[in-house]
Protein backbone atom coordinates (compact mmCIF):
# COMPACT_ATOMS: atom_id res chain seq x y z
CA UNK A 1 -37.68 -8.19 -40.06
CA UNK A 2 -35.89 -6.38 -42.77
CA UNK A 3 -37.06 -3.02 -43.76
CA UNK A 4 -36.21 -0.49 -45.99
CA UNK A 5 -36.71 3.23 -45.74
CA UNK A 6 -35.50 5.25 -49.34
CA UNK A 7 -35.15 8.42 -47.96
CA UNK A 8 -33.63 12.00 -50.32
CA UNK A 9 -32.14 14.98 -49.09
CA UNK A 10 -33.92 17.99 -50.08
CA UNK A 11 -33.38 21.85 -49.74
CA UNK A 12 -35.83 23.62 -46.91
CA UNK A 13 -39.41 24.42 -48.52
CA UNK A 14 -38.70 27.75 -46.23
CA UNK A 15 -35.25 28.55 -48.02
CA UNK A 16 -34.96 31.46 -50.12
CA UNK A 17 -33.47 28.78 -53.17
CA UNK A 18 -31.10 31.27 -55.60
CA UNK A 19 -30.70 29.94 -59.18
CA UNK A 20 -27.50 29.87 -60.27
CA UNK A 21 -26.49 29.96 -64.30
CA UNK A 22 -29.07 27.76 -66.37
CA UNK A 23 -29.43 24.73 -64.15
CA UNK A 24 -28.00 25.21 -60.64
CA UNK A 25 -28.62 26.98 -57.36
CA UNK A 26 -27.06 27.71 -54.21
CA UNK A 27 -26.36 24.69 -52.19
CA UNK A 28 -25.91 26.84 -48.94
CA UNK A 29 -29.30 26.44 -48.48
CA UNK A 30 -30.86 23.85 -45.54
CA UNK A 31 -31.55 20.70 -46.52
CA UNK A 32 -33.42 18.17 -44.30
CA UNK A 33 -35.27 15.28 -44.77
CA UNK A 34 -37.95 15.08 -47.42
CA UNK A 35 -41.10 15.76 -45.43
CA UNK A 36 -43.32 12.36 -46.59
CA UNK A 37 -39.90 9.97 -46.03
CA UNK A 38 -40.46 11.70 -42.15
CA UNK A 39 -43.57 9.41 -42.16
CA UNK A 40 -41.99 6.41 -44.01
CA UNK A 41 -39.62 6.68 -41.62
CA UNK A 42 -41.69 6.39 -38.18
CA UNK A 43 -43.51 3.71 -40.23
CA UNK A 44 -40.81 1.39 -40.18
CA UNK A 45 -39.57 2.38 -36.75
CA UNK A 46 -42.57 1.49 -35.05
CA UNK A 47 -43.29 -1.92 -37.39
CA UNK A 48 -39.51 -3.37 -36.39
CA UNK A 49 -40.22 -2.34 -32.51
CA UNK A 50 -43.20 -3.93 -32.78
CA UNK A 51 -42.29 -7.58 -34.52
CA UNK A 52 -38.06 -6.92 -34.32
CA UNK A 53 -35.71 -6.54 -36.85
CA UNK A 54 -34.23 -3.81 -38.59
CA UNK A 55 -34.26 -0.16 -40.06
CA UNK A 56 -31.90 0.65 -42.64
CA UNK A 57 -31.94 3.70 -44.53
CA UNK A 58 -30.49 4.27 -47.93
CA UNK A 59 -30.27 7.69 -49.88
CA UNK A 60 -28.09 8.69 -53.19
CA UNK A 61 -26.56 12.35 -52.71
CA UNK A 62 -23.63 14.38 -52.42
CA UNK A 63 -21.68 14.50 -49.43
CA UNK A 64 -24.36 17.02 -47.52
CA UNK A 65 -26.95 14.27 -47.26
CA UNK A 66 -24.65 12.45 -44.56
CA UNK A 67 -25.98 14.97 -41.93
CA UNK A 68 -29.49 14.48 -43.05
CA UNK A 69 -28.84 11.10 -42.36
CA UNK A 70 -27.69 11.35 -39.02
CA UNK A 71 -30.99 13.18 -38.84
CA UNK A 72 -32.78 10.24 -39.73
CA UNK A 73 -31.01 7.86 -37.69
CA UNK A 74 -31.94 9.86 -34.87
CA UNK A 75 -35.50 8.93 -35.22
CA UNK A 76 -34.98 5.09 -34.57
CA UNK A 77 -33.25 3.61 -37.92
CA UNK A 78 -30.94 1.25 -36.90
CA UNK A 79 -27.99 1.93 -39.81
CA UNK A 80 -27.72 3.49 -43.27
CA UNK A 81 -26.44 3.72 -46.76
CA UNK A 82 -25.74 6.41 -48.44
CA UNK A 83 -24.83 6.36 -52.55
CA UNK A 84 -22.12 9.25 -53.17
CA UNK A 85 -22.62 11.61 -56.07
CA UNK A 86 -21.75 14.75 -57.31
CA UNK A 87 -24.90 14.97 -59.20
CA UNK A 88 -27.97 17.06 -57.28
CA UNK A 89 -30.60 15.94 -59.94
CA UNK A 90 -30.90 12.36 -60.77
CA UNK A 91 -34.41 11.42 -62.31
CA UNK A 92 -36.52 8.70 -60.87
CA UNK A 93 -35.41 5.76 -63.29
CA UNK A 94 -32.20 6.33 -62.19
CA UNK A 95 -33.01 6.60 -58.62
CA UNK A 96 -34.80 3.80 -58.67
CA UNK A 97 -32.17 1.35 -60.41
CA UNK A 98 -29.58 2.84 -57.61
CA UNK A 99 -31.73 2.04 -54.44
CA UNK A 100 -32.71 -1.19 -56.44
CA UNK A 101 -29.06 -2.46 -56.71
CA UNK A 102 -28.00 -1.24 -53.37
CA UNK A 103 -31.08 -3.05 -51.61
CA UNK A 104 -31.18 -6.28 -53.47
CA UNK A 105 -27.13 -6.46 -52.67
CA UNK A 106 -27.45 -5.87 -48.84
CA UNK A 107 -30.81 -6.92 -48.17
CA UNK A 108 -33.11 -9.36 -48.89
CA UNK A 109 -35.94 -6.73 -47.65
CA UNK A 110 -39.25 -7.71 -46.50
CA UNK A 111 -40.28 -3.96 -47.16
CA UNK A 112 -39.44 -1.07 -48.12
CA UNK A 113 -41.11 2.19 -47.28
CA UNK A 114 -40.38 5.31 -49.63
CA UNK A 115 -42.30 8.80 -49.31
CA UNK A 116 -44.89 8.90 -52.30
CA UNK A 117 -43.02 12.24 -53.42
CA UNK A 118 -40.29 14.52 -53.12
CA UNK A 119 -41.10 18.01 -52.14
CA UNK A 120 -38.29 19.11 -54.90
CA UNK A 121 -38.72 17.46 -57.88
CA UNK A 122 -42.05 15.89 -57.08
CA UNK A 123 -41.96 13.41 -60.18
CA UNK A 124 -43.64 10.65 -57.92
CA UNK A 125 -42.24 7.85 -59.85
CA UNK A 126 -39.61 6.49 -57.79
CA UNK A 127 -41.33 3.77 -55.93
CA UNK A 128 -43.30 2.59 -59.11
CA UNK A 129 -40.09 2.40 -60.90
CA UNK A 130 -38.21 0.67 -57.85
CA UNK A 131 -41.07 -1.77 -57.38
CA UNK A 132 -41.12 -2.74 -60.86
CA UNK A 133 -37.23 -3.16 -60.94
CA UNK A 134 -37.27 -5.77 -58.43
CA UNK A 135 -40.59 -7.50 -59.28
CA UNK A 136 -42.71 -6.69 -56.22
CA UNK A 137 -46.11 -5.08 -55.68
CA UNK A 138 -46.13 -1.48 -54.93
CA UNK A 139 -49.17 1.00 -53.20
CA UNK A 140 -48.38 4.72 -52.69
CA UNK A 141 -50.16 7.57 -51.07
CA UNK A 142 -50.71 5.27 -47.97
CA UNK A 143 -52.48 6.57 -45.19
CA UNK A 144 -52.72 3.14 -43.21
CA UNK A 145 -51.01 -0.22 -43.25
CA UNK A 146 -50.96 -3.85 -40.93
CA UNK A 147 -48.55 -6.29 -41.49
CA UNK A 148 -49.37 -9.91 -40.61
CA UNK A 149 -49.44 -13.42 -42.09
CA UNK A 150 -46.77 -12.20 -44.72
CA UNK A 151 -49.02 -9.75 -46.00
CA UNK A 152 -49.40 -5.89 -46.02
CA UNK A 153 -52.68 -4.52 -46.34
CA UNK A 154 -52.68 -0.55 -46.61
CA UNK A 155 -55.62 2.08 -47.42
CA UNK A 156 -54.84 4.92 -49.57
CA UNK A 157 -57.47 8.00 -50.38
CA UNK A 158 -58.72 8.08 -53.97
CA UNK A 159 -60.77 11.07 -54.04
CA UNK A 160 -63.95 11.92 -53.74
CA UNK A 161 -64.08 10.95 -50.13
CA UNK A 162 -63.51 7.25 -51.16
CA UNK A 163 -60.59 4.70 -50.21
CA UNK A 164 -58.98 2.05 -51.28
CA UNK A 165 -57.52 -1.28 -49.48
CA UNK A 166 -54.85 -3.40 -51.15
CA UNK A 167 -53.16 -6.01 -49.97
CA UNK A 168 -50.14 -7.32 -51.21
CA UNK A 169 -47.77 -9.97 -50.49
CA UNK A 170 -44.22 -9.39 -49.35
CA UNK A 171 -41.59 -8.10 -49.91
CA UNK A 172 -43.33 -4.78 -51.13
CA UNK A 173 -43.03 -0.97 -51.82
CA UNK A 174 -44.94 1.06 -49.44
CA UNK A 175 -45.09 5.00 -50.57
CA UNK A 176 -46.35 6.50 -47.27
CA UNK A 177 -48.27 10.17 -47.33
CA UNK A 178 -48.99 12.68 -44.64
CA UNK A 179 -51.48 10.96 -42.16
CA UNK A 180 -50.16 7.07 -42.05
CA UNK A 181 -48.47 8.17 -38.80
CA UNK A 182 -47.20 11.17 -36.33
CA UNK A 183 -43.47 11.55 -36.70
CA UNK A 184 -41.71 11.22 -33.63
CA UNK A 185 -38.94 14.20 -32.82
CA UNK A 186 -35.54 13.00 -31.66
CA UNK A 187 -34.80 13.26 -28.08
CA UNK A 188 -31.29 14.61 -27.16
CA UNK A 189 -30.30 10.88 -26.09
CA UNK A 190 -31.49 9.27 -29.53
CA UNK A 191 -29.18 12.09 -31.38
CA UNK A 192 -25.96 11.37 -29.51
CA UNK A 193 -26.87 7.62 -30.60
CA UNK A 194 -27.16 8.50 -33.95
CA UNK A 195 -23.96 10.08 -33.90
CA UNK A 196 -22.41 6.29 -33.43
CA UNK A 197 -24.55 4.17 -36.14
CA UNK A 198 -23.18 3.04 -38.72
CA UNK A 199 -23.38 5.15 -42.53
CA UNK A 200 -21.74 2.78 -45.27
CA UNK A 201 -21.11 5.07 -47.91
CA UNK A 202 -20.62 3.46 -51.46
CA UNK A 203 -19.59 5.63 -54.96
CA UNK A 204 -22.04 5.47 -57.30
CA UNK A 205 -19.10 4.37 -59.94
CA UNK A 206 -18.57 1.24 -57.73
CA UNK A 207 -21.93 0.00 -58.06
CA UNK A 208 -20.96 -0.98 -61.80
CA UNK A 209 -24.63 -0.06 -63.29
CA UNK A 210 -24.83 1.45 -66.67
CA UNK A 211 -27.66 3.91 -66.05
CA UNK A 212 -29.48 4.56 -69.73
CA UNK A 213 -31.95 7.55 -68.30
CA UNK A 214 -32.36 10.19 -71.27
CA UNK A 215 -33.66 12.57 -68.73
CA UNK A 216 -31.79 16.23 -68.90
CA UNK A 217 -31.85 18.77 -66.60
CA UNK A 218 -31.94 21.85 -68.84
CA UNK A 219 -32.83 24.41 -66.91
CA UNK A 220 -34.05 26.16 -63.89
CA UNK A 221 -35.97 29.28 -63.11
CA UNK A 222 -36.86 31.55 -60.34
CA UNK A 223 -40.39 31.24 -59.51
CA UNK A 224 -41.49 34.78 -60.75
CA UNK A 225 -43.29 37.18 -57.86
CA UNK A 226 -47.25 36.93 -56.45
CA UNK A 227 -49.13 39.97 -57.94
CA UNK A 228 -51.32 41.08 -55.36
CA UNK A 229 -55.24 39.64 -54.98
CA UNK A 230 -57.21 41.85 -56.83
CA UNK A 231 -61.12 42.19 -55.58
CA UNK A 232 -63.92 41.88 -57.93
CA UNK A 233 -67.33 43.32 -56.71
CA UNK A 234 -70.58 43.21 -58.38
CA UNK A 235 -73.29 41.54 -59.45
CA UNK A 236 -72.58 37.62 -60.18
CA UNK A 237 -73.28 38.30 -64.34
CA UNK A 238 -70.30 41.36 -63.93
CA UNK A 239 -68.07 39.35 -61.80
CA UNK A 240 -67.57 36.10 -63.90
CA UNK A 241 -67.99 38.60 -67.37
CA UNK A 242 -64.40 40.42 -65.02
CA UNK A 243 -62.86 37.71 -63.95
CA UNK A 244 -63.16 35.78 -67.67
CA UNK A 245 -61.58 39.09 -69.25
CA UNK A 246 -59.17 39.01 -66.95
CA UNK A 247 -57.91 35.32 -67.90
CA UNK A 248 -57.88 35.85 -71.33
CA UNK A 249 -56.03 39.33 -71.45
CA UNK A 250 -54.14 39.31 -68.38
CA UNK A 251 -53.02 35.95 -67.42
CA UNK A 252 -53.53 34.56 -70.79
CA UNK A 253 -55.21 31.36 -69.51
CA UNK A 254 -58.10 30.88 -71.61
């Protein structure tokens, strides 16, 4: 079984990110595997450990993404592909086109795992666009996954305590969510082995793609400092009246 996992190199959510200029930021902050992608990697590795085969990581990013791929390889994947670009931000349409091209040439894939979203851009569109480009089914926000007889059966939460079960033919795209599994921690021998695993590097220009997205990152802004909480006391009517007044006059949200 040939399983691909699309991963993204993202800034640590605990990092203090400093905006530079109009649409850049200080990239000396710590980068790591997109947290949702860790669930995708773990599910892929468990599947191949059970069924046999190969787990291939694919990412699009700068040279710094190499370290993130090494970390991901230490989680049990077999090899990786890095599509190199100087652009930090690519929209979901371009990203999906690049991932689809690489997987199509390296494959064929039996299953493609992704995280349900990236914690930096949070577009939540790449998995859908990737599946559309490859002409295969997709399901996102997955918390359970079972594979057998050429089909993938997944479960996803749809709100209100309700769950939806979807059965897809293979190949397909499965976008993982928290709760799908418990990602493993790499042991020292795994980290050492990962240093010797193959990472194939491809320049974006060498793919021969004509990226057609009209999206442009216009500006980045530092998140405003949060003001302190204010307690409103009194009767229910007094509290509601004061809250509505604050939302109108101070926060200007209604």
